[in-house]
């Protein structure tokens, strides 16, 4: 699974096997038992979150927004094969 970024203990990544047919571009964020998944296209949107307080969710969403373009580029480069 490609790791894209680590910030404040959060790991941002996607899985190398994203289904068949492949899901649209998205990123997972995980820290301990907390996790969130964000769709990156066509608009940034929360897919789900688990064991996250509202403050952590806002902070993670802000990081995803800040790095969205790089995450999308990494997704398309990885799955170009």
C-alpha atoms as a PDB file:
ATOM      1  CA  UNK A   1       0.000   0.000   0.000  1.00  0.00           C
ATOM      2  CA  UNK A   2       1.561   3.282  -1.066  1.00  0.00           C
ATOM      3  CA  UNK A   3       2.177   5.657   1.836  1.00  0.00           C
ATOM      4  CA  UNK A   4       1.779   9.240   0.676  1.00  0.00           C
ATOM      5  CA  UNK A   5       2.365  11.382   3.748  1.00  0.00           C
ATOM      6  CA  UNK A   6       2.792  11.350   7.529  1.00  0.00           C
ATOM      7  CA  UNK A   7       1.653  14.335   9.587  1.00  0.00           C
ATOM      8  CA  UNK A   8       1.205  14.470  13.382  1.00  0.00           C
ATOM      9  CA  UNK A   9       1.096  10.687  13.627  1.00  0.00           C
ATOM     10  CA  UNK A  10      -1.458  10.343  10.820  1.00  0.00           C
ATOM     11  CA  UNK A  11      -0.559   8.160   7.853  1.00  0.00           C
ATOM     12  CA  UNK A  12      -2.127   9.059   4.502  1.00  0.00           C
ATOM     13  CA  UNK A  13      -2.230   6.215   1.985  1.00  0.00           C
ATOM     14  CA  UNK A  14      -4.231   4.204  -0.505  1.00  0.00           C
ATOM     15  CA  UNK A  15      -4.330   0.468  -1.091  1.00  0.00           C
ATOM     16  CA  UNK A  16      -2.543  -1.065  -4.068  1.00  0.00           C
ATOM     17  CA  UNK A  17      -5.631  -3.187  -4.797  1.00  0.00           C
ATOM     18  CA  UNK A  18      -8.552  -0.782  -4.894  1.00  0.00           C
ATOM     19  CA  UNK A  19     -11.215  -3.156  -6.193  1.00  0.00           C
ATOM     20  CA  UNK A  20     -12.387  -4.373  -9.560  1.00  0.00           C
ATOM     21  CA  UNK A  21     -13.561  -2.154 -11.027  1.00  0.00           C
ATOM     22  CA  UNK A  22     -11.206   0.246  -9.283  1.00  0.00           C
ATOM     23  CA  UNK A  23     -12.787   2.822  -6.997  1.00  0.00           C
ATOM     24  CA  UNK A  24     -12.399   6.507  -7.888  1.00  0.00           C
ATOM     25  CA  UNK A  25      -9.315   8.323  -6.500  1.00  0.00           C
ATOM     26  CA  UNK A  26      -9.377   8.543  -2.718  1.00  0.00           C
ATOM     27  CA  UNK A  27      -7.063   8.568   0.286  1.00  0.00           C
ATOM     28  CA  UNK A  28      -7.213   6.892   3.680  1.00  0.00           C
ATOM     29  CA  UNK A  29      -5.885   8.498   6.868  1.00  0.00           C
ATOM     30  CA  UNK A  30      -5.120   6.319   9.885  1.00  0.00           C
ATOM     31  CA  UNK A  31      -3.736   6.902  13.366  1.00  0.00           C
ATOM     32  CA  UNK A  32      -4.134   4.105  15.895  1.00  0.00           C
ATOM     33  CA  UNK A  33      -7.749   2.926  15.793  1.00  0.00           C
ATOM     34  CA  UNK A  34      -8.946   6.104  14.047  1.00  0.00           C
ATOM     35  CA  UNK A  35      -9.445   6.139  10.298  1.00  0.00           C
ATOM     36  CA  UNK A  36     -11.081   8.227   7.603  1.00  0.00           C
ATOM     37  CA  UNK A  37     -11.490   7.874   3.862  1.00  0.00           C
ATOM     38  CA  UNK A  38     -11.842  10.849   1.532  1.00  0.00           C
ATOM     39  CA  UNK A  39     -12.884  10.859  -2.111  1.00  0.00           C
ATOM     40  CA  UNK A  40     -10.541  13.146  -4.054  1.00  0.00           C
ATOM     41  CA  UNK A  41     -12.493  13.484  -7.314  1.00  0.00           C
ATOM     42  CA  UNK A  42     -14.637  14.990  -8.643  1.00  0.00           C
ATOM     43  CA  UNK A  43     -14.813  16.973  -5.383  1.00  0.00           C
ATOM     44  CA  UNK A  44     -13.219  16.393  -2.008  1.00  0.00           C
ATOM     45  CA  UNK A  45     -15.736  14.504   0.136  1.00  0.00           C
ATOM     46  CA  UNK A  46     -15.655  12.384   3.267  1.00  0.00           C
ATOM     47  CA  UNK A  47     -16.484   8.753   2.436  1.00  0.00           C
ATOM     48  CA  UNK A  48     -16.433   7.583   6.063  1.00  0.00           C
ATOM     49  CA  UNK A  49     -14.731   8.026   9.400  1.00  0.00           C
ATOM     50  CA  UNK A  50     -14.338   5.668  12.323  1.00  0.00           C
ATOM     51  CA  UNK A  51     -13.337   6.421  15.920  1.00  0.00           C
ATOM     52  CA  UNK A  52     -12.576  10.078  15.172  1.00  0.00           C
ATOM     53  CA  UNK A  53     -13.561  13.103  17.200  1.00  0.00           C
ATOM     54  CA  UNK A  54     -14.750  16.183  15.259  1.00  0.00           C
ATOM     55  CA  UNK A  55     -11.533  18.128  15.837  1.00  0.00           C
ATOM     56  CA  UNK A  56      -9.325  15.330  14.463  1.00  0.00           C
ATOM     57  CA  UNK A  57     -11.627  14.924  11.489  1.00  0.00           C
ATOM     58  CA  UNK A  58     -11.364  18.647  10.678  1.00  0.00           C
ATOM     59  CA  UNK A  59      -7.573  18.558  11.001  1.00  0.00           C
ATOM     60  CA  UNK A  60      -7.242  15.492   8.769  1.00  0.00           C
ATOM     61  CA  UNK A  61      -9.652  16.988   6.215  1.00  0.00           C
ATOM     62  CA  UNK A  62      -7.526  20.156   6.113  1.00  0.00           C
ATOM     63  CA  UNK A  63      -4.379  18.110   5.410  1.00  0.00           C
ATOM     64  CA  UNK A  64      -6.170  16.187   2.651  1.00  0.00           C
ATOM     65  CA  UNK A  65      -7.373  19.456   1.139  1.00  0.00           C
ATOM     66  CA  UNK A  66      -3.869  20.937   1.313  1.00  0.00           C
ATOM     67  CA  UNK A  67      -2.286  17.907  -0.410  1.00  0.00           C
ATOM     68  CA  UNK A  68      -5.201  16.909  -2.643  1.00  0.00           C
ATOM     69  CA  UNK A  69      -3.445  17.688  -5.931  1.00  0.00           C
ATOM     70  CA  UNK A  70      -0.379  15.650  -4.966  1.00  0.00           C
ATOM     71  CA  UNK A  71      -2.562  12.753  -3.763  1.00  0.00           C
ATOM     72  CA  UNK A  72      -4.476  12.728  -7.072  1.00  0.00           C
ATOM     73  CA  UNK A  73      -1.233  12.823  -9.048  1.00  0.00           C
ATOM     74  CA  UNK A  74       0.198   9.938  -6.997  1.00  0.00           C
ATOM     75  CA  UNK A  75      -2.988   7.919  -7.498  1.00  0.00           C
ATOM     76  CA  UNK A  76      -2.959   8.342 -11.281  1.00  0.00           C
ATOM     77  CA  UNK A  77       0.780   7.667 -11.536  1.00  0.00           C
ATOM     78  CA  UNK A  78       0.496   4.503  -9.437  1.00  0.00           C
ATOM     79  CA  UNK A  79      -2.453   3.067 -11.352  1.00  0.00           C
ATOM     80  CA  UNK A  80      -1.226   4.107 -14.829  1.00  0.00           C
ATOM     81  CA  UNK A  81       0.199   0.611 -15.404  1.00  0.00           C
END
